[in-house]
Amino acid sequence: MFNLIDTRDVIEDSWVRLADDEALNKQSRVIVSLSRLKREGLKIKNTGLELAVELEPDALVSDLSAFIEDLQLVVLQFESFADGRAFSQAKLLRDRYHYSGEIRATGEVIRDQLGFMQRCGFSQFEIAKNDDSQLALQAFAEITHGYQADLIRSVNH
């Protein structure tokens, strides 16, 4: 299990992850795989549900281009703390595809990388339940000066 944080607080997760074979029920906000999005994206959109997708680390961000306007959340996976592909995916989403919705980090999300994730465009972070949420929140204030451009943005909750 995990705690979900943004850069200011621990927040409640209102999204439901659906397996590829799981029926759409009364959920209002669903996270689906890229393969399900490609297969059923229009059908899900037409149900009025809020739509999110979870990308595997080796997925191409360009595969989202047809759906980018319909997504409220993109979930990017860190398979290990040393795997930087999700950083690149987030940066591409913000820079190339002008995605303005939420980007969530999941998987091996560690405190030491939270500020860097934020600078690449992440706005939500799933941290391990046994990690100290308040200590994690302090990480966002630790990098006070950057030497390169960043994608830090204001998120209204």
C-alpha atoms as a PDB file:
ATOM      1  CA  MET A   1       0.000   0.000   0.000  1.00  0.00           C
ATOM      2  CA  PHE A   2       1.081   3.601  -0.353  1.00  0.00           C
ATOM      3  CA  ASN A   3       0.509   7.170   0.756  1.00  0.00           C
ATOM      4  CA  LEU A   4      -0.318   9.638  -1.986  1.00  0.00           C
ATOM      5  CA  ILE A   5       1.228  13.074  -1.698  1.00  0.00           C
ATOM      6  CA  ASP A   6       1.435  16.196  -3.767  1.00  0.00           C
ATOM      7  CA  THR A   7       4.013  18.878  -3.043  1.00  0.00           C
ATOM      8  CA  ARG A   8       2.001  20.258  -0.125  1.00  0.00           C
ATOM      9  CA  ASP A   9       0.178  17.454   1.681  1.00  0.00           C
ATOM     10  CA  VAL A  10      -0.891  13.840   1.927  1.00  0.00           C
ATOM     11  CA  ILE A  11      -3.977  13.552  -0.264  1.00  0.00           C
ATOM     12  CA  GLU A  12      -6.709  10.969  -0.693  1.00  0.00           C
ATOM     13  CA  ASP A  13      -6.610   8.842  -3.801  1.00  0.00           C
ATOM     14  CA  SER A  14      -9.952   9.093  -5.585  1.00  0.00           C
ATOM     15  CA  TRP A  15      -8.871   6.977  -8.556  1.00  0.00           C
ATOM     16  CA  VAL A  16      -9.644   3.263  -9.047  1.00  0.00           C
ATOM     17  CA  ARG A  17      -7.174   1.078 -10.943  1.00  0.00           C
ATOM     18  CA  LEU A  18      -8.988  -1.324 -13.258  1.00  0.00           C
ATOM     19  CA  ALA A  19      -7.500  -4.552 -14.569  1.00  0.00           C
ATOM     20  CA  ASP A  20      -7.786  -5.064 -18.314  1.00  0.00           C
ATOM     21  CA  ASP A  21     -10.608  -7.570 -17.825  1.00  0.00           C
ATOM     22  CA  GLU A  22     -12.391  -5.697 -15.018  1.00  0.00           C
ATOM     23  CA  ALA A  23     -15.815  -4.248 -15.834  1.00  0.00           C
ATOM     24  CA  LEU A  24     -16.580  -0.555 -15.679  1.00  0.00           C
ATOM     25  CA  ASN A  25     -18.952  -0.170 -12.756  1.00  0.00           C
ATOM     26  CA  LYS A  26     -19.929   2.875 -10.733  1.00  0.00           C
ATOM     27  CA  GLN A  27     -16.428   4.270 -10.374  1.00  0.00           C
ATOM     28  CA  SER A  28     -16.150   7.879 -11.388  1.00  0.00           C
ATOM     29  CA  ARG A  29     -12.380   8.026 -11.930  1.00  0.00           C
ATOM     30  CA  VAL A  30     -10.585   5.072 -13.518  1.00  0.00           C
ATOM     31  CA  ILE A  31      -6.954   4.253 -14.243  1.00  0.00           C
ATOM     32  CA  VAL A  32      -6.504   1.818 -17.122  1.00  0.00           C
ATOM     33  CA  SER A  33      -3.512   0.311 -18.913  1.00  0.00           C
ATOM     34  CA  LEU A  34      -2.304   1.720 -22.221  1.00  0.00           C
ATOM     35  CA  SER A  35      -3.513  -1.396 -24.048  1.00  0.00           C
ATOM     36  CA  ARG A  36      -7.010  -0.995 -22.595  1.00  0.00           C
ATOM     37  CA  LEU A  37      -6.977   2.727 -23.394  1.00  0.00           C
ATOM     38  CA  LYS A  38      -6.141   1.957 -27.018  1.00  0.00           C
ATOM     39  CA  ARG A  39      -8.828  -0.714 -27.160  1.00  0.00           C
ATOM     40  CA  GLU A  40     -11.643   0.992 -25.207  1.00  0.00           C
ATOM     41  CA  GLY A  41     -10.692   4.644 -24.810  1.00  0.00           C
ATOM     42  CA  LEU A  42     -13.652   6.027 -26.745  1.00  0.00           C
ATOM     43  CA  LYS A  43     -16.067   3.684 -24.973  1.00  0.00           C
ATOM     44  CA  ILE A  44     -14.747   4.715 -21.542  1.00  0.00           C
ATOM     45  CA  LYS A  45     -14.813   8.385 -22.498  1.00  0.00           C
ATOM     46  CA  ASN A  46     -18.447   8.066 -23.613  1.00  0.00           C
ATOM     47  CA  THR A  47     -19.439   6.705 -20.172  1.00  0.00           C
ATOM     48  CA  GLY A  48     -18.638  10.087 -18.636  1.00  0.00           C
ATOM     49  CA  LEU A  49     -15.953   8.598 -16.362  1.00  0.00           C
ATOM     50  CA  GLU A  50     -12.815  10.592 -15.687  1.00  0.00           C
ATOM     51  CA  LEU A  51      -9.994   8.800 -17.424  1.00  0.00           C
ATOM     52  CA  ALA A  52      -6.393   8.059 -16.463  1.00  0.00           C
ATOM     53  CA  VAL A  53      -3.750   5.783 -17.916  1.00  0.00           C
ATOM     54  CA  GLU A  54      -0.800   3.965 -16.362  1.00  0.00           C
ATOM     55  CA  LEU A  55       2.252   3.663 -18.600  1.00  0.00           C
ATOM     56  CA  GLU A  56       4.880   0.969 -18.328  1.00  0.00           C
ATOM     57  CA  PRO A  57       8.462   2.293 -18.271  1.00  0.00           C
ATOM     58  CA  ASP A  58       9.105   1.089 -21.833  1.00  0.00           C
ATOM     59  CA  ALA A  59       5.881   2.558 -23.278  1.00  0.00           C
ATOM     60  CA  LEU A  60       6.074   5.318 -25.848  1.00  0.00           C
ATOM     61  CA  VAL A  61       4.541   8.614 -24.767  1.00  0.00           C
ATOM     62  CA  SER A  62       3.577   9.174 -28.403  1.00  0.00           C
ATOM     63  CA  ASP A  63       1.015   6.372 -28.012  1.00  0.00           C
ATOM     64  CA  LEU A  64      -1.008   8.792 -25.850  1.00  0.00           C
ATOM     65  CA  SER A  65      -1.205  11.545 -28.448  1.00  0.00           C
ATOM     66  CA  ALA A  66      -4.718  10.588 -29.603  1.00  0.00           C
ATOM     67  CA  PHE A  67      -5.987  10.593 -26.005  1.00  0.00           C
ATOM     68  CA  ILE A  68      -4.003  13.431 -24.406  1.00  0.00           C
ATOM     69  CA  GLU A  69      -6.975  15.831 -24.228  1.00  0.00           C
ATOM     70  CA  ASP A  70      -9.153  13.176 -22.535  1.00  0.00           C
ATOM     71  CA  LEU A  71      -6.747  12.235 -19.734  1.00  0.00           C
ATOM     72  CA  GLN A  72      -6.937  13.828 -16.312  1.00  0.00           C
ATOM     73  CA  LEU A  73      -4.049  11.740 -14.914  1.00  0.00           C
ATOM     74  CA  VAL A  74      -1.061   9.854 -16.287  1.00  0.00           C
ATOM     75  CA  VAL A  75       0.641   7.379 -13.940  1.00  0.00           C
ATOM     76  CA  LEU A  76       4.320   6.670 -14.662  1.00  0.00           C
ATOM     77  CA  GLN A  77       6.166   3.748 -13.125  1.00  0.00           C
ATOM     78  CA  PHE A  78       9.610   3.686 -11.566  1.00  0.00           C
ATOM     79  CA  GLU A  79      10.696   0.025 -11.618  1.00  0.00           C
ATOM     80  CA  SER A  80      13.749   0.943  -9.539  1.00  0.00           C
ATOM     81  CA  PHE A  81      15.242   4.139  -8.160  1.00  0.00           C
ATOM     82  CA  ALA A  82      17.955   3.893 -10.843  1.00  0.00           C
ATOM     83  CA  ASP A  83      15.463   3.723 -13.742  1.00  0.00           C
ATOM     84  CA  GLY A  84      15.138   7.195 -15.257  1.00  0.00           C
ATOM     85  CA  ARG A  85      12.691   6.427 -18.067  1.00  0.00           C
ATOM     86  CA  ALA A  86       9.704   7.883 -16.180  1.00  0.00           C
ATOM     87  CA  PHE A  87      11.593  11.191 -15.820  1.00  0.00           C
ATOM     88  CA  SER A  88      11.873  11.315 -19.617  1.00  0.00           C
ATOM     89  CA  GLN A  89       8.228  10.306 -20.097  1.00  0.00           C
ATOM     90  CA  ALA A  90       7.045  13.103 -17.783  1.00  0.00           C
ATOM     91  CA  LYS A  91       9.224  15.685 -19.520  1.00  0.00           C
ATOM     92  CA  LEU A  92       7.925  14.613 -22.938  1.00  0.00           C
ATOM     93  CA  LEU A  93       4.326  14.792 -21.730  1.00  0.00           C
ATOM     94  CA  ARG A  94       4.791  18.363 -20.527  1.00  0.00           C
ATOM     95  CA  ASP A  95       7.106  19.719 -23.244  1.00  0.00           C
ATOM     96  CA  ARG A  96       6.198  17.957 -26.461  1.00  0.00           C
ATOM     97  CA  TYR A  97       2.541  17.077 -25.840  1.00  0.00           C
ATOM     98  CA  HIS A  98       1.666  20.083 -23.648  1.00  0.00           C
ATOM     99  CA  TYR A  99      -0.120  17.816 -21.175  1.00  0.00           C
ATOM    100  CA  SER A 100      -1.480  19.928 -18.304  1.00  0.00           C
ATOM    101  CA  GLY A 101      -3.172  17.247 -16.173  1.00  0.00           C
ATOM    102  CA  GLU A 102      -1.753  15.403 -13.193  1.00  0.00           C
ATOM    103  CA  ILE A 103       1.308  13.170 -13.557  1.00  0.00           C
ATOM    104  CA  ARG A 104       1.769  10.609 -10.790  1.00  0.00           C
ATOM    105  CA  ALA A 105       4.933   8.715  -9.884  1.00  0.00           C
ATOM    106  CA  THR A 106       4.422   5.129  -8.724  1.00  0.00           C
ATOM    107  CA  GLY A 107       6.664   2.181  -7.933  1.00  0.00           C
ATOM    108  CA  GLU A 108      10.108   2.774  -6.475  1.00  0.00           C
ATOM    109  CA  VAL A 109       9.464   6.400  -5.504  1.00  0.00           C
ATOM    110  CA  ILE A 110      12.089   7.558  -3.027  1.00  0.00           C
ATOM    111  CA  ARG A 111      12.356  10.759  -1.039  1.00  0.00           C
ATOM    112  CA  ASP A 112      15.737  11.718  -2.483  1.00  0.00           C
ATOM    113  CA  GLN A 113      14.264  11.992  -5.985  1.00  0.00           C
ATOM    114  CA  LEU A 114      10.977  13.785  -5.232  1.00  0.00           C
ATOM    115  CA  GLY A 115      12.290  17.269  -5.986  1.00  0.00           C
ATOM    116  CA  PHE A 116      13.796  16.084  -9.270  1.00  0.00           C
ATOM    117  CA  MET A 117      10.533  14.355 -10.194  1.00  0.00           C
ATOM    118  CA  GLN A 118       8.675  17.583  -9.541  1.00  0.00           C
ATOM    119  CA  ARG A 119      11.126  19.529 -11.726  1.00  0.00           C
ATOM    120  CA  CYS A 120      10.369  17.096 -14.601  1.00  0.00           C
ATOM    121  CA  GLY A 121       6.617  17.648 -14.303  1.00  0.00           C
ATOM    122  CA  PHE A 122       5.329  15.176 -11.728  1.00  0.00           C
ATOM    123  CA  SER A 123       2.556  16.512  -9.488  1.00  0.00           C
ATOM    124  CA  GLN A 124       1.634  13.439  -7.393  1.00  0.00           C
ATOM    125  CA  PHE A 125       3.778  10.807  -5.739  1.00  0.00           C
ATOM    126  CA  GLU A 126       2.929   7.380  -4.337  1.00  0.00           C
ATOM    127  CA  ILE A 127       5.309   6.685  -1.464  1.00  0.00           C
ATOM    128  CA  ALA A 128       5.516   3.506   0.571  1.00  0.00           C
ATOM    129  CA  LYS A 129       3.044   3.368   3.474  1.00  0.00           C
ATOM    130  CA  ASN A 130       5.907   2.836   5.940  1.00  0.00           C
ATOM    131  CA  ASP A 131       7.796   5.946   4.694  1.00  0.00           C
ATOM    132  CA  ASP A 132       7.363   9.130   6.702  1.00  0.00           C
ATOM    133  CA  SER A 133       5.004  11.353   4.673  1.00  0.00           C
ATOM    134  CA  GLN A 134       5.998  14.544   6.495  1.00  0.00           C
ATOM    135  CA  LEU A 135       9.680  13.858   5.883  1.00  0.00           C
ATOM    136  CA  ALA A 136       8.902  13.233   2.207  1.00  0.00           C
ATOM    137  CA  LEU A 137       7.055  16.543   1.970  1.00  0.00           C
ATOM    138  CA  GLN A 138      10.158  18.344   3.259  1.00  0.00           C
ATOM    139  CA  ALA A 139      12.053  17.104   0.189  1.00  0.00           C
ATOM    140  CA  PHE A 140      10.235  19.633  -2.014  1.00  0.00           C
ATOM    141  CA  ALA A 141      11.807  22.530  -0.140  1.00  0.00           C
ATOM    142  CA  GLU A 142      15.363  21.192  -0.203  1.00  0.00           C
ATOM    143  CA  ILE A 143      16.281  22.161  -3.760  1.00  0.00           C
ATOM    144  CA  THR A 144      16.164  25.931  -3.646  1.00  0.00           C
ATOM    145  CA  HIS A 145      18.098  26.765  -6.791  1.00  0.00           C
ATOM    146  CA  GLY A 146      18.129  24.953 -10.116  1.00  0.00           C
ATOM    147  CA  TYR A 147      20.703  25.352 -12.852  1.00  0.00           C
ATOM    148  CA  GLN A 148      18.388  24.225 -15.634  1.00  0.00           C
ATOM    149  CA  ALA A 149      14.814  24.980 -16.632  1.00  0.00           C
ATOM    150  CA  ASP A 150      12.110  23.016 -14.870  1.00  0.00           C
ATOM    151  CA  LEU A 151       8.455  22.175 -15.269  1.00  0.00           C
ATOM    152  CA  ILE A 152       7.249  23.055 -11.782  1.00  0.00           C
ATOM    153  CA  ARG A 153       3.685  24.233 -12.095  1.00  0.00           C
ATOM    154  CA  SER A 154       0.866  25.331  -9.871  1.00  0.00           C
ATOM    155  CA  VAL A 155      -1.677  22.599  -9.197  1.00  0.00           C
ATOM    156  CA  ASN A 156      -5.112  23.555  -7.920  1.00  0.00           C
ATOM    157  CA  HIS A 157      -6.683  21.054  -5.555  1.00  0.00           C
END
